[in-house]
Amino acid sequence: MIKYLIDTCIWRDFYENRLSYSGISFGEDSSKLFEKIIKTKSCILFSEALYWELKKDYIIDDINNMLNILFLAKVLIKIDISKAEFIEAKALSSKRNLPFVDCLNAIQARNHKAIMITRDKHFFENLTDITPAKKPFEII
């Protein structure tokens, strides 16, 4: 079974149906990604960090609505944040001056042998030694 860890920006693309500056539908790419994951019976890993990030812009009901279809399709799996992952992410964030949650996501993707899905440049420029990352269009 293929495992994915999906960055917050992709969840937002899906929920808000966001467009790129040039008019490319990031929301459509995200929807197609989720459809493929459901059809192939793959899984999406997520941790409490996704809630931390989404709570900045959404109320809990909106977050639950965002995740609900994937829960119902039984492809969403919650993973714990280990103390070791937290400590490593904190150190990596400080050393490289990167957002803590991005570092944590990269570490968890590596530790769980999941494919990191994002459009965030930090993953492609600064975290490739931790885990490789792919954009949604590379998967669909």
N, C-alpha and C. Protein backbone atom coordinates (compact mmCIF):
# COMPACT_ATOMS: atom_id res chain seq x y z
N MET A 1 0.83 -1.18 0.00
CA MET A 1 0.00 0.00 0.00
C MET A 1 0.89 1.25 0.00
N ILE A 2 0.56 2.18 -0.86
CA ILE A 2 1.32 3.43 -0.93
C ILE A 2 0.81 4.37 0.16
N LYS A 3 1.75 4.99 0.86
CA LYS A 3 1.41 5.94 1.92
C LYS A 3 1.85 7.34 1.49
N TYR A 4 1.00 8.30 1.79
CA TYR A 4 1.29 9.70 1.49
C TYR A 4 1.18 10.52 2.76
N LEU A 5 2.00 11.55 2.87
CA LEU A 5 1.84 12.57 3.89
C LEU A 5 1.64 13.87 3.12
N ILE A 6 0.51 14.51 3.32
CA ILE A 6 0.12 15.64 2.50
C ILE A 6 0.25 16.94 3.28
N ASP A 7 1.03 17.86 2.75
CA ASP A 7 1.28 19.14 3.39
C ASP A 7 0.00 19.97 3.46
N THR A 8 -0.05 20.85 4.43
CA THR A 8 -1.22 21.70 4.65
C THR A 8 -1.61 22.50 3.42
N CYS A 9 -0.65 22.97 2.65
CA CYS A 9 -0.97 23.78 1.47
C CYS A 9 -1.85 23.01 0.49
N ILE A 10 -1.66 21.71 0.40
CA ILE A 10 -2.45 20.88 -0.52
C ILE A 10 -3.88 20.73 0.01
N TRP A 11 -4.02 20.57 1.31
CA TRP A 11 -5.36 20.51 1.91
C TRP A 11 -6.11 21.82 1.64
N ARG A 12 -5.40 22.93 1.79
CA ARG A 12 -6.04 24.24 1.54
C ARG A 12 -6.40 24.40 0.07
N ASP A 13 -5.52 23.95 -0.82
CA ASP A 13 -5.83 24.00 -2.26
C ASP A 13 -7.15 23.28 -2.53
N PHE A 14 -7.28 22.10 -1.94
CA PHE A 14 -8.47 21.27 -2.12
C PHE A 14 -9.71 21.98 -1.58
N TYR A 15 -9.65 22.43 -0.34
CA TYR A 15 -10.82 22.99 0.33
C TYR A 15 -11.24 24.33 -0.27
N GLU A 16 -10.26 25.15 -0.64
CA GLU A 16 -10.54 26.49 -1.16
C GLU A 16 -10.57 26.53 -2.68
N ASN A 17 -10.25 25.41 -3.33
CA ASN A 17 -10.16 25.34 -4.79
C ASN A 17 -9.27 26.48 -5.32
N ARG A 18 -8.08 26.57 -4.75
CA ARG A 18 -7.18 27.68 -5.08
C ARG A 18 -6.58 27.55 -6.47
N LEU A 19 -6.23 28.71 -7.02
CA LEU A 19 -5.60 28.80 -8.34
C LEU A 19 -4.19 29.35 -8.19
N SER A 20 -3.31 28.98 -9.12
CA SER A 20 -1.98 29.58 -9.17
C SER A 20 -2.12 30.98 -9.76
N TYR A 21 -1.05 31.75 -9.70
CA TYR A 21 -1.06 33.09 -10.29
C TYR A 21 -1.33 33.04 -11.79
N SER A 22 -0.94 31.94 -12.42
CA SER A 22 -1.14 31.81 -13.87
C SER A 22 -2.47 31.14 -14.22
N GLY A 23 -3.29 30.85 -13.20
CA GLY A 23 -4.61 30.30 -13.45
C GLY A 23 -4.71 28.78 -13.41
N ILE A 24 -3.62 28.10 -13.07
CA ILE A 24 -3.66 26.64 -12.93
C ILE A 24 -4.46 26.30 -11.68
N SER A 25 -5.35 25.33 -11.79
CA SER A 25 -6.21 24.96 -10.67
C SER A 25 -5.49 23.99 -9.73
N PHE A 26 -4.94 24.55 -8.66
CA PHE A 26 -4.33 23.70 -7.64
C PHE A 26 -5.41 22.85 -6.96
N GLY A 27 -6.61 23.42 -6.82
CA GLY A 27 -7.72 22.69 -6.21
C GLY A 27 -8.08 21.46 -7.01
N GLU A 28 -8.09 21.59 -8.33
CA GLU A 28 -8.42 20.45 -9.20
C GLU A 28 -7.35 19.36 -9.09
N ASP A 29 -6.08 19.76 -9.08
CA ASP A 29 -4.99 18.79 -8.92
C ASP A 29 -5.12 18.05 -7.58
N SER A 30 -5.45 18.80 -6.53
CA SER A 30 -5.60 18.18 -5.21
C SER A 30 -6.78 17.21 -5.20
N SER A 31 -7.88 17.61 -5.81
CA SER A 31 -9.05 16.71 -5.89
C SER A 31 -8.71 15.43 -6.63
N LYS A 32 -8.00 15.56 -7.75
CA LYS A 32 -7.60 14.37 -8.52
C LYS A 32 -6.66 13.48 -7.71
N LEU A 33 -5.77 14.10 -6.94
CA LEU A 33 -4.87 13.34 -6.08
C LEU A 33 -5.67 12.52 -5.06
N PHE A 34 -6.61 13.17 -4.37
CA PHE A 34 -7.41 12.47 -3.38
C PHE A 34 -8.25 11.36 -4.03
N GLU A 35 -8.79 11.62 -5.22
CA GLU A 35 -9.55 10.59 -5.94
C GLU A 35 -8.66 9.38 -6.25
N LYS A 36 -7.44 9.65 -6.69
CA LYS A 36 -6.52 8.55 -7.01
C LYS A 36 -6.19 7.74 -5.76
N ILE A 37 -5.96 8.43 -4.66
CA ILE A 37 -5.63 7.75 -3.41
C ILE A 37 -6.78 6.83 -2.99
N ILE A 38 -8.01 7.33 -3.12
CA ILE A 38 -9.18 6.52 -2.76
C ILE A 38 -9.31 5.33 -3.71
N LYS A 39 -9.19 5.56 -5.01
CA LYS A 39 -9.36 4.49 -6.00
C LYS A 39 -8.30 3.40 -5.87
N THR A 40 -7.08 3.79 -5.53
CA THR A 40 -5.99 2.81 -5.42
C THR A 40 -5.87 2.21 -4.03
N LYS A 41 -6.78 2.62 -3.13
CA LYS A 41 -6.77 2.14 -1.75
C LYS A 41 -5.43 2.39 -1.06
N SER A 42 -4.84 3.52 -1.40
CA SER A 42 -3.63 3.96 -0.72
C SER A 42 -4.06 4.62 0.58
N CYS A 43 -3.12 5.21 1.30
CA CYS A 43 -3.52 5.88 2.54
C CYS A 43 -2.80 7.21 2.70
N ILE A 44 -3.44 8.06 3.48
CA ILE A 44 -2.89 9.37 3.81
C ILE A 44 -2.61 9.39 5.30
N LEU A 45 -1.37 9.64 5.64
CA LEU A 45 -0.99 9.78 7.04
C LEU A 45 -1.09 11.24 7.44
N PHE A 46 -1.55 11.47 8.66
CA PHE A 46 -1.56 12.84 9.18
C PHE A 46 -1.37 12.79 10.68
N SER A 47 -0.87 13.87 11.22
CA SER A 47 -0.67 13.96 12.66
C SER A 47 -1.38 15.21 13.18
N GLU A 48 -1.27 15.40 14.45
CA GLU A 48 -1.87 16.58 15.09
C GLU A 48 -1.36 17.87 14.47
N ALA A 49 -0.19 17.82 13.85
CA ALA A 49 0.39 19.02 13.22
C ALA A 49 -0.52 19.57 12.13
N LEU A 50 -1.25 18.70 11.43
CA LEU A 50 -2.19 19.18 10.41
C LEU A 50 -3.26 20.04 11.07
N TYR A 51 -3.78 19.59 12.21
CA TYR A 51 -4.77 20.39 12.93
C TYR A 51 -4.18 21.71 13.39
N TRP A 52 -2.94 21.69 13.91
CA TRP A 52 -2.30 22.93 14.36
C TRP A 52 -2.29 23.96 13.24
N GLU A 53 -1.91 23.50 12.05
CA GLU A 53 -1.80 24.42 10.92
C GLU A 53 -3.17 24.88 10.42
N LEU A 54 -4.10 23.96 10.30
CA LEU A 54 -5.42 24.33 9.76
C LEU A 54 -6.21 25.20 10.73
N LYS A 55 -5.99 25.03 12.04
CA LYS A 55 -6.71 25.84 13.03
C LYS A 55 -6.36 27.32 12.93
N LYS A 56 -5.27 27.65 12.26
CA LYS A 56 -4.91 29.06 12.07
C LYS A 56 -5.93 29.78 11.20
N ASP A 57 -6.58 29.05 10.28
CA ASP A 57 -7.48 29.67 9.31
C ASP A 57 -8.90 29.11 9.30
N TYR A 58 -9.13 27.99 9.97
CA TYR A 58 -10.44 27.34 9.91
C TYR A 58 -10.93 26.97 11.30
N ILE A 59 -12.25 26.92 11.44
CA ILE A 59 -12.83 26.40 12.67
C ILE A 59 -12.84 24.87 12.57
N ILE A 60 -12.99 24.22 13.71
CA ILE A 60 -12.88 22.76 13.75
C ILE A 60 -13.92 22.08 12.86
N ASP A 61 -15.12 22.64 12.75
CA ASP A 61 -16.15 22.04 11.88
C ASP A 61 -15.69 22.04 10.42
N ASP A 62 -15.05 23.13 9.98
CA ASP A 62 -14.54 23.19 8.61
C ASP A 62 -13.43 22.16 8.40
N ILE A 63 -12.58 22.01 9.39
CA ILE A 63 -11.49 21.03 9.29
C ILE A 63 -12.07 19.62 9.19
N ASN A 64 -13.04 19.33 10.03
CA ASN A 64 -13.66 18.00 9.98
C ASN A 64 -14.35 17.75 8.65
N ASN A 65 -14.99 18.77 8.09
CA ASN A 65 -15.61 18.64 6.76
C ASN A 65 -14.56 18.36 5.69
N MET A 66 -13.42 19.01 5.82
CA MET A 66 -12.33 18.85 4.87
C MET A 66 -11.82 17.40 4.87
N LEU A 67 -11.74 16.83 6.05
CA LEU A 67 -11.18 15.49 6.21
C LEU A 67 -12.22 14.37 6.09
N ASN A 68 -13.49 14.72 6.23
CA ASN A 68 -14.55 13.73 6.37
C ASN A 68 -14.62 12.71 5.23
N ILE A 69 -14.58 13.16 4.00
CA ILE A 69 -14.71 12.21 2.88
C ILE A 69 -13.59 11.18 2.89
N LEU A 70 -12.42 11.61 3.31
CA LEU A 70 -11.28 10.68 3.36
C LEU A 70 -11.38 9.74 4.55
N PHE A 71 -11.94 10.23 5.67
CA PHE A 71 -12.22 9.33 6.79
C PHE A 71 -13.23 8.27 6.37
N LEU A 72 -14.30 8.72 5.70
CA LEU A 72 -15.35 7.79 5.27
C LEU A 72 -14.82 6.76 4.27
N ALA A 73 -13.88 7.18 3.43
CA ALA A 73 -13.27 6.27 2.45
C ALA A 73 -12.21 5.37 3.09
N LYS A 74 -11.97 5.58 4.38
CA LYS A 74 -11.01 4.78 5.15
C LYS A 74 -9.58 4.84 4.60
N VAL A 75 -9.19 6.01 4.13
CA VAL A 75 -7.82 6.18 3.63
C VAL A 75 -6.99 7.09 4.54
N LEU A 76 -7.62 7.70 5.52
CA LEU A 76 -6.94 8.65 6.40
C LEU A 76 -6.52 7.95 7.68
N ILE A 77 -5.23 8.02 8.00
CA ILE A 77 -4.69 7.35 9.18
C ILE A 77 -3.93 8.38 10.02
N LYS A 78 -4.35 8.51 11.28
CA LYS A 78 -3.67 9.45 12.18
C LYS A 78 -2.45 8.77 12.79
N ILE A 79 -1.33 9.49 12.76
CA ILE A 79 -0.10 8.99 13.36
C ILE A 79 0.29 9.91 14.52
N ASP A 80 0.92 9.33 15.51
CA ASP A 80 1.38 10.11 16.65
C ASP A 80 2.68 10.83 16.30
N ILE A 81 2.93 11.89 17.01
CA ILE A 81 4.21 12.60 16.92
C ILE A 81 5.06 12.08 18.07
N SER A 82 6.12 11.37 17.75
CA SER A 82 6.97 10.84 18.83
C SER A 82 7.82 11.97 19.41
N LYS A 83 8.28 11.74 20.61
CA LYS A 83 9.16 12.71 21.26
C LYS A 83 10.42 12.92 20.43
N ALA A 84 10.97 11.83 19.90
CA ALA A 84 12.19 11.92 19.08
C ALA A 84 11.94 12.75 17.82
N GLU A 85 10.78 12.55 17.17
CA GLU A 85 10.45 13.34 15.97
C GLU A 85 10.30 14.81 16.31
N PHE A 86 9.65 15.09 17.44
CA PHE A 86 9.46 16.48 17.87
C PHE A 86 10.81 17.15 18.11
N ILE A 87 11.69 16.47 18.83
CA ILE A 87 13.01 17.02 19.14
C ILE A 87 13.83 17.22 17.87
N GLU A 88 13.82 16.23 16.98
CA GLU A 88 14.57 16.35 15.72
C GLU A 88 14.03 17.50 14.88
N ALA A 89 12.71 17.64 14.81
CA ALA A 89 12.09 18.72 14.02
C ALA A 89 12.43 20.08 14.60
N LYS A 90 12.42 20.19 15.91
CA LYS A 90 12.75 21.46 16.57
C LYS A 90 14.20 21.85 16.25
N ALA A 91 15.11 20.91 16.35
CA ALA A 91 16.52 21.17 16.07
C ALA A 91 16.73 21.52 14.59
N LEU A 92 16.09 20.77 13.71
CA LEU A 92 16.20 21.02 12.27
C LEU A 92 15.63 22.38 11.89
N SER A 93 14.51 22.72 12.48
CA SER A 93 13.88 24.02 12.23
C SER A 93 14.80 25.16 12.65
N SER A 94 15.40 25.02 13.81
CA SER A 94 16.31 26.04 14.32
C SER A 94 17.58 26.14 13.47
N LYS A 95 18.16 25.00 13.16
CA LYS A 95 19.42 24.96 12.40
C LYS A 95 19.27 25.52 10.99
N ARG A 96 18.14 25.20 10.33
CA ARG A 96 17.95 25.60 8.93
C ARG A 96 17.03 26.80 8.76
N ASN A 97 16.53 27.31 9.88
CA ASN A 97 15.61 28.46 9.84
C ASN A 97 14.40 28.17 8.95
N LEU A 98 13.78 27.02 9.21
CA LEU A 98 12.60 26.57 8.46
C LEU A 98 11.43 26.41 9.42
N PRO A 99 10.21 26.46 8.91
CA PRO A 99 9.05 26.24 9.78
C PRO A 99 9.09 24.87 10.44
N PHE A 100 8.79 24.86 11.73
CA PHE A 100 8.82 23.63 12.51
C PHE A 100 7.95 22.54 11.90
N VAL A 101 6.71 22.88 11.52
CA VAL A 101 5.79 21.86 11.00
C VAL A 101 6.30 21.26 9.69
N ASP A 102 6.93 22.06 8.85
CA ASP A 102 7.51 21.52 7.61
C ASP A 102 8.59 20.49 7.94
N CYS A 103 9.43 20.82 8.91
CA CYS A 103 10.47 19.88 9.33
C CYS A 103 9.86 18.61 9.91
N LEU A 104 8.84 18.78 10.74
CA LEU A 104 8.16 17.63 11.33
C LEU A 104 7.52 16.75 10.25
N ASN A 105 6.85 17.37 9.29
CA ASN A 105 6.24 16.60 8.20
C ASN A 105 7.28 15.79 7.42
N ALA A 106 8.41 16.42 7.12
CA ALA A 106 9.47 15.73 6.39
C ALA A 106 9.99 14.53 7.19
N ILE A 107 10.21 14.74 8.46
CA ILE A 107 10.71 13.67 9.33
C ILE A 107 9.70 12.53 9.43
N GLN A 108 8.43 12.88 9.59
CA GLN A 108 7.41 11.83 9.69
C GLN A 108 7.24 11.08 8.37
N ALA A 109 7.31 11.79 7.25
CA ALA A 109 7.24 11.11 5.95
C ALA A 109 8.39 10.11 5.83
N ARG A 110 9.59 10.53 6.21
CA ARG A 110 10.75 9.63 6.17
C ARG A 110 10.54 8.42 7.09
N ASN A 111 10.16 8.70 8.33
CA ASN A 111 10.04 7.63 9.32
C ASN A 111 8.95 6.62 9.00
N HIS A 112 7.91 7.07 8.31
CA HIS A 112 6.78 6.19 7.98
C HIS A 112 6.83 5.71 6.53
N LYS A 113 7.95 6.03 5.86
CA LYS A 113 8.14 5.62 4.46
C LYS A 113 6.96 6.05 3.58
N ALA A 114 6.59 7.33 3.76
CA ALA A 114 5.48 7.91 3.01
C ALA A 114 6.02 8.90 1.98
N ILE A 115 5.26 9.10 0.94
CA ILE A 115 5.61 10.09 -0.08
C ILE A 115 5.09 11.44 0.38
N MET A 116 5.98 12.41 0.48
CA MET A 116 5.61 13.77 0.89
C MET A 116 5.03 14.50 -0.30
N ILE A 117 3.79 15.00 -0.17
CA ILE A 117 3.14 15.75 -1.24
C ILE A 117 3.01 17.20 -0.80
N THR A 118 3.57 18.09 -1.61
CA THR A 118 3.58 19.51 -1.27
C THR A 118 3.87 20.34 -2.50
N ARG A 119 3.64 21.63 -2.38
CA ARG A 119 4.13 22.59 -3.37
C ARG A 119 5.08 23.58 -2.69
N ASP A 120 5.31 23.38 -1.42
CA ASP A 120 6.11 24.30 -0.60
C ASP A 120 7.59 24.16 -0.96
N LYS A 121 8.20 25.28 -1.30
CA LYS A 121 9.60 25.27 -1.76
C LYS A 121 10.58 24.75 -0.71
N HIS A 122 10.25 24.87 0.59
CA HIS A 122 11.16 24.38 1.63
C HIS A 122 11.51 22.90 1.41
N PHE A 123 10.52 22.13 1.01
CA PHE A 123 10.74 20.70 0.84
C PHE A 123 11.66 20.41 -0.34
N PHE A 124 11.54 21.19 -1.40
CA PHE A 124 12.32 20.95 -2.61
C PHE A 124 13.71 21.58 -2.55
N GLU A 125 13.87 22.61 -1.72
CA GLU A 125 15.15 23.32 -1.64
C GLU A 125 15.95 22.97 -0.39
N ASN A 126 15.27 22.65 0.71
CA ASN A 126 15.98 22.53 1.98
C ASN A 126 15.79 21.22 2.73
N LEU A 127 14.89 20.38 2.28
CA LEU A 127 14.59 19.17 3.05
C LEU A 127 14.73 17.88 2.24
N THR A 128 15.35 17.96 1.08
CA THR A 128 15.48 16.76 0.23
C THR A 128 16.38 15.70 0.87
N ASP A 129 17.25 16.09 1.78
CA ASP A 129 18.08 15.10 2.46
C ASP A 129 17.29 14.35 3.54
N ILE A 130 16.15 14.88 3.92
CA ILE A 130 15.30 14.22 4.90
C ILE A 130 14.31 13.30 4.19
N THR A 131 13.62 13.84 3.20
CA THR A 131 12.67 13.05 2.41
C THR A 131 12.46 13.70 1.05
N PRO A 132 12.32 12.90 0.01
CA PRO A 132 11.97 13.50 -1.28
C PRO A 132 10.52 13.97 -1.24
N ALA A 133 10.21 14.97 -2.04
CA ALA A 133 8.84 15.50 -2.10
C ALA A 133 8.36 15.49 -3.55
N LYS A 134 7.06 15.40 -3.69
CA LYS A 134 6.44 15.44 -5.01
C LYS A 134 5.28 16.41 -4.98
N LYS A 135 4.99 16.99 -6.15
CA LYS A 135 3.83 17.85 -6.30
C LYS A 135 2.65 16.98 -6.75
N PRO A 136 1.42 17.42 -6.45
CA PRO A 136 0.26 16.58 -6.81
C PRO A 136 0.25 16.14 -8.26
N PHE A 137 0.59 17.04 -9.19
CA PHE A 137 0.51 16.67 -10.61
C PHE A 137 1.50 15.55 -10.97
N GLU A 138 2.54 15.35 -10.14
CA GLU A 138 3.49 14.26 -10.40
C GLU A 138 2.91 12.89 -10.01
N ILE A 139 1.87 12.90 -9.22
CA ILE A 139 1.25 11.66 -8.77
C ILE A 139 0.02 11.31 -9.61
N ILE A 140 -0.73 12.34 -9.98
CA ILE A 140 -1.97 12.06 -10.73
C ILE A 140 -1.64 11.75 -12.16
